[in-house]
C-alpha atoms as a PDB file:
ATOM      1  CA  MET A   1       4.228  -3.626  12.353  1.00  0.00           C
ATOM      2  CA  ARG A   2       4.723  -1.570   9.384  1.00  0.00           C
ATOM      3  CA  LYS A   3       2.308  -1.086   6.552  1.00  0.00           C
ATOM      4  CA  PRO A   4       1.269   0.748   3.374  1.00  0.00           C
ATOM      5  CA  LYS A   5      -0.926   3.814   3.664  1.00  0.00           C
ATOM      6  CA  ILE A   6      -2.852   5.303   0.695  1.00  0.00           C
ATOM      7  CA  ALA A   7      -3.476   8.722   0.306  1.00  0.00           C
ATOM      8  CA  GLU A   8      -7.237   8.541  -1.848  1.00  0.00           C
ATOM      9  CA  GLU A   9      -6.836  12.060  -2.841  1.00  0.00           C
ATOM     10  CA  LEU A  10      -3.690  11.592  -4.411  1.00  0.00           C
ATOM     11  CA  CYS A  11      -4.073   8.358  -6.052  1.00  0.00           C
ATOM     12  CA  VAL A  12      -5.065   7.942  -9.488  1.00  0.00           C
ATOM     13  CA  GLY A  13      -5.578   4.211  -9.800  1.00  0.00           C
ATOM     14  CA  CYS A  14      -2.307   3.427 -11.982  1.00  0.00           C
ATOM     15  CA  MET A  15      -1.817  -0.016 -10.142  1.00  0.00           C
ATOM     16  CA  ALA A  16       1.892   0.581 -10.324  1.00  0.00           C
ATOM     17  CA  CYS A  17       2.114  -0.367  -6.473  1.00  0.00           C
ATOM     18  CA  THR A  18       0.386  -3.504  -6.878  1.00  0.00           C
ATOM     19  CA  VAL A  19       2.683  -4.890  -9.310  1.00  0.00           C
ATOM     20  CA  ALA A  20       6.048  -3.484  -7.591  1.00  0.00           C
ATOM     21  CA  CYS A  21       4.767  -5.024  -4.368  1.00  0.00           C
ATOM     22  CA  PRO A  22       6.884  -8.619  -3.778  1.00  0.00           C
ATOM     23  CA  MET A  23       4.739  -9.809  -0.738  1.00  0.00           C
ATOM     24  CA  GLY A  24       1.227  -9.067  -2.179  1.00  0.00           C
ATOM     25  CA  VAL A  25       0.295  -6.737   0.225  1.00  0.00           C
ATOM     26  CA  LEU A  26      -1.465  -4.101  -2.312  1.00  0.00           C
ATOM     27  CA  ILE A  27      -3.846  -5.882  -4.910  1.00  0.00           C
ATOM     28  CA  GLU A  28      -6.115  -4.291  -7.792  1.00  0.00           C
ATOM     29  CA  PRO A  29      -9.728  -3.724  -6.596  1.00  0.00           C
ATOM     30  CA  LEU A  30     -12.837  -5.596  -8.379  1.00  0.00           C
ATOM     31  CA  ILE A  31     -14.356  -1.813  -8.231  1.00  0.00           C
ATOM     32  CA  GLY A  32     -12.908   1.446  -8.115  1.00  0.00           C
ATOM     33  CA  MET A  33      -9.598   2.916  -8.654  1.00  0.00           C
ATOM     34  CA  ILE A  34      -7.785   2.615  -5.237  1.00  0.00           C
ATOM     35  CA  PRO A  35      -5.555  -0.301  -4.638  1.00  0.00           C
ATOM     36  CA  LEU A  36      -6.745  -2.383  -1.863  1.00  0.00           C
ATOM     37  CA  ILE A  37      -4.484  -3.278   1.151  1.00  0.00           C
ATOM     38  CA  LYS A  38      -4.872  -6.869   1.297  1.00  0.00           C
ATOM     39  CA  ALA A  39      -2.372  -8.274   3.754  1.00  0.00           C
ATOM     40  CA  PRO A  40      -1.163  -5.591   5.734  1.00  0.00           C
ATOM     41  CA  GLU A  41       0.824  -8.175   8.021  1.00  0.00           C
ATOM     42  CA  ARG A  42       2.772  -9.394   5.141  1.00  0.00           C
ATOM     43  CA  CYS A  43       4.547  -5.845   4.639  1.00  0.00           C
ATOM     44  CA  THR A  44       8.113  -5.838   5.523  1.00  0.00           C
ATOM     45  CA  GLY A  45       8.409  -2.013   5.051  1.00  0.00           C
ATOM     46  CA  CYS A  46      10.484  -2.393   1.706  1.00  0.00           C
ATOM     47  CA  GLU A  47       9.059   0.451   0.235  1.00  0.00           C
ATOM     48  CA  ARG A  48       8.794  -0.752  -3.413  1.00  0.00           C
ATOM     49  CA  CYS A  49       5.147   0.653  -3.553  1.00  0.00           C
ATOM     50  CA  VAL A  50       6.530   4.134  -2.156  1.00  0.00           C
ATOM     51  CA  ASP A  51       9.176   3.977  -5.039  1.00  0.00           C
ATOM     52  CA  ALA A  52       6.811   2.922  -8.014  1.00  0.00           C
ATOM     53  CA  CYS A  53       4.060   5.550  -7.187  1.00  0.00           C
ATOM     54  CA  PHE A  54       4.617   8.650  -9.149  1.00  0.00           C
ATOM     55  CA  PHE A  55       2.101  10.493  -7.554  1.00  0.00           C
ATOM     56  CA  SER A  56       3.497  10.404  -3.867  1.00  0.00           C
ATOM     57  CA  ALA A  57       0.082   8.584  -2.679  1.00  0.00           C
ATOM     58  CA  ILE A  58       1.910   5.680  -0.746  1.00  0.00           C
ATOM     59  CA  LYS A  59       3.915   6.075   2.675  1.00  0.00           C
ATOM     60  CA  ILE A  60       4.766   3.179   4.967  1.00  0.00           C
ATOM     61  CA  VAL A  61       3.647   3.563   8.276  1.00  0.00           C
ATOM     62  CA  ASP A  62       4.103   2.212  11.902  1.00  0.00           C
ATOM     63  CA  VAL A  63       1.101   0.602  13.410  1.00  0.00           C
ATOM     64  CA  ILE A  64       1.240   0.146  17.343  1.00  0.00           C
ATOM     65  CA  ILE A  65      -0.632  -2.619  18.385  1.00  0.00           C
ATOM     66  CA  LYS A  66      -2.222  -2.369  21.635  1.00  0.00           C
ATOM     67  CA  PHE A  67      -2.932  -5.276  24.056  1.00  0.00           C
ATOM     68  CA  SER A  68      -5.797  -4.975  26.836  1.00  0.00           C
END
């Protein structure tokens, strides 16, 4: 599974990523400046959010699910 990861120290809160995401994974927060990752399971890894970020604050990472 892949999901977006936001580098909070680089994010300026422009919310371009929330507009670019076709799956609604990223949303604008009610409070604060950093977008929220609402539904990481919906992420298809298209990287539109990455392309939309002028500050290189987002990357798509692989998530390893461990079963016990």
